[in-house]
Amino acid sequence: MVQVRNRHPLHDDGDICIDQWATDLLAQVTEGSFSRETLVTACELARDAEAGASPVNDQVWAATVSSFRTGLEMAEILTELHLYDQDSLVASILYRAVREGRLPVETVRNQFGESVSKLIEGVRKMAVISTLRADGDDGVFGHAGTVQATKVREMLVSIIDDVRVALIKIAERTCAIRALKTATEEKRLRVAREIFDVYAPLAHRLGIGQLKWELEDLAFRYLETDEYMRIARLLDERRMDRQQYIKELISTLEMELRKAGIEGDIAGRAKHIYSIWRKMHRKGIGFSQIYDIRAVRILVPTIADCYTLLGIVHSHWRIIPNEFDDYIASPKENGYRSLHTAVIGPHGKVLEIQIRTCEMNEEAEYGVCSHWRYKGTDTKSTTNSYEDKISWLRQVLEWHEEIEDDHVKELLSRDNATDRIYVFTPEGHVVDLAVGSTPLDFAYRVHTSIGHRCRGAKVNGKIVPLNTALHTADQVSILTGKQEAPSRDWLSTALNYLHTTRARAKVQQWFRKQNQEQNILAGKAILDREFRQLNIKKVDLDTISEKYNKHGVDGLYAAIGAGDVRIDQVINATLAQLDMTRKQRKALPSSPAKASRYAESEVYIYGVGNLLTHIAGCCSPVPGDQIGGYITSGRGVSVHRKDCGNLLRLQAAEPERVLEVSWGRAPKQVYPVKITLDAYDRAGLLRDISMVLDMSGLNVLAMASKSVETQTGVSVRMDVTIEVSSIGALSTVMSRLGKIPNMTNVQRVDEY
């Protein structure tokens, strides 16, 4: 257990003597660069913040617990753990003042730098666990090992990006549970459950044995008071006998060490009540059969000495089968190394013995803190060391194998934990989703009916669009209507309303159940709108219907309306189907093009040799459009859309000069296309249009607009020329533009 001073140095008036406290603290620091003045300044700031402002958020701590004293105790814990890092100590001193709203984090950043403020912000992210509103007896955590508790732990893994953040938070929770005697019964149970389910396992995974045992025992005391007191009484009844037994045993072992020429340190090992209780329940045995009630730990200089001493122990006392563990050869997942054995000791009593080196003991007691060292001022060396420690932290935080529930193991055995995010319901439950999920995905994840009735969403108290990407630790609230009424727009991949296939399937299922006639009308309206926007004409929909195994055109319309067939699939199939009768395609040899952005291999021409080609400016075809070629006088073959008015007139007048052509395979080429936007004018309209175009990654070649007065206000017509790589890219950006508020029409333009 970490030994925190029970009494801080005081002035005659009873106030804490900050100067003396800082001097005493730094006397324990054996390495690193520290400024005593910086620590004093931090203490004075925390003290003044507590005196000058009431806490905005005080639900985590009892009102009688001083935030200033807590900060000092947190710094003492970190120092006892050998975390010799000034930024960490300053952050721990100031954390509660910032957490409770007494001290702005900007003030901390200005006075102590970005590193300290980022540590505090990181601990505040973890603190979201402590502020969750309990829901039922088990609160947000449920019982240890449940899906809900493990999701909380997994969420913490995803937000910790600095090992020091985790250490500061563990120190803060240690102070919190030590102070629970003055808290209400409800708060004692909630904090104990939180620490038992989350922070004690986290301390274990960081290898901090000192705090892990203390946190488990204190939490167990509040959660299972009767069991705790029963085992405590049993331990106390024979305490004197055990102490005398251990004293005699240590004398025997010290004599054997001297004979072997090994310098060692032998001590009785502390008895941890929760560990005893867990072993009793796991093995189904009584208190008298617990081996480590009588236990010693032996520290020796080298690994070779460990095995030499193990041989001595086994030669003196009979080993108990299946109770020997070699954690030196096979360390635990958190890096723990030691030899454990249980023997029939003097007087026939069972005895547990642990053997390790001093270095192993430091790692076992201080864990990650024993690895955290700032040495010298070499920036490169420090940076590499820092990155190594962060990588190490990510590995040791994978504590999920400890969970015994098979479903939880399956849930947490995904290939990449960073592919998930963890968000909160308003009641404080954790919901895990795929990265990129939206409020709509969240709604369907919680309940299908909530998704169907979703009308809006709030994230962290603010209303956001339904296609907003969520992030870990967001709190999401869904605004619902009385009737189920999903939008067909939710199924559009271009609009990004739904990220998960599960949510998309639920929307599709809802539309399939609707009236067939309604789906036919809706599907026809969707398809007609897309064809009109893209200027696609003369389509044989019966052929397209057969491709999707639908009964006639109405069957295709119904599938589109129900969401079974995506509109972008139909558009691409329409363009491809018109090309099905072509049996062979030959690429043109290299030849100059109209502009450098067009490659010679963009167009195939059948039955001709090495001809010059260029894209016709009257209709500006793009890949996906059905095209034809016209042999010009001196400019090679001009490539038009097949429905281009100019091409149709030329074909009627000079059919012998019209060729059959098709697109080549140059996916990185781009083509200019002109579109017209009609909208009611408003502030920010141009900004929103520009943002959509920018987010689509398209190059804008030209943009012109004019205003027209109408009875309903000022209408704006905007002509925009953009570069796109395919008909699919054009369809996507037109769909996104059409969703801009006040937009009334988006259409592709022909210039003939």
Foldseek 3Di string as FASTA:
>chain_A
DQDFDPDAPADPVGHHDLLVLLVVLVVLQDDDDDDSVLSSVLLVVLVVLQVPDDFQDDPQADPVDRLQVLLSQLLSRLSSLQLPDHLLSSLSNCLVSCLRPSDPLVVVCVPPHDSNSVLSVLLSLLCLLRPFAADPPQGQQRAALDLSLVLNLLLNLLSDQAVSSLSSNLSSLLSRLVRCVPPDLSSNLSSLRNCCSHVLLLCVLLLAQQSNLVSNQSSCCSNPVVQSVVVVVVLVVCVVVLVVVLVVVVVVLVVVCVVVVWDKDKDWDDDRSVVQVVVCVVVVHDSQPDQNSREMEMATADPVVQVVSVVVVCVVFPWDPPFWDQCQVPPDQSRQGWTWTWTLDPPRGIHIYIYYHPLNVSCNNSRLSVLDDDDDDPPVVVVVSRVVSSVSSSRSSPSQVVRPDPVSCVVPPDPDSNQWAWEAESNGGIDIDGFQFFLLQVQVSVPLQSSQFFDWKDWQRHTDDLQDTDHHHIYMYTDGDPDRHDDLVCLDPLVNNGDDPVSNVSQLVVLVPDDLVVQLVQLVVVLVQLCQQAVPDDFDQQVLCVVVPADGNSRVSSCCSSSVDDNLVSLLCRLVVVVVVDDDWDFAPFDDEPDPLDTSRFKTFPPDHRWYEYEDPQAFDAASAQWKWFQDVPRTIYIDRPPAPVVVVCCVVPVVRITHMHTGDDQVGKTKFKKKWKFADDPCLVVQLVVLCVVLVKDWPDKDKDWDQDPVGIMMMMITIIIDRHPSSVSSSQVVNCPPPRIDDMHTDGRD
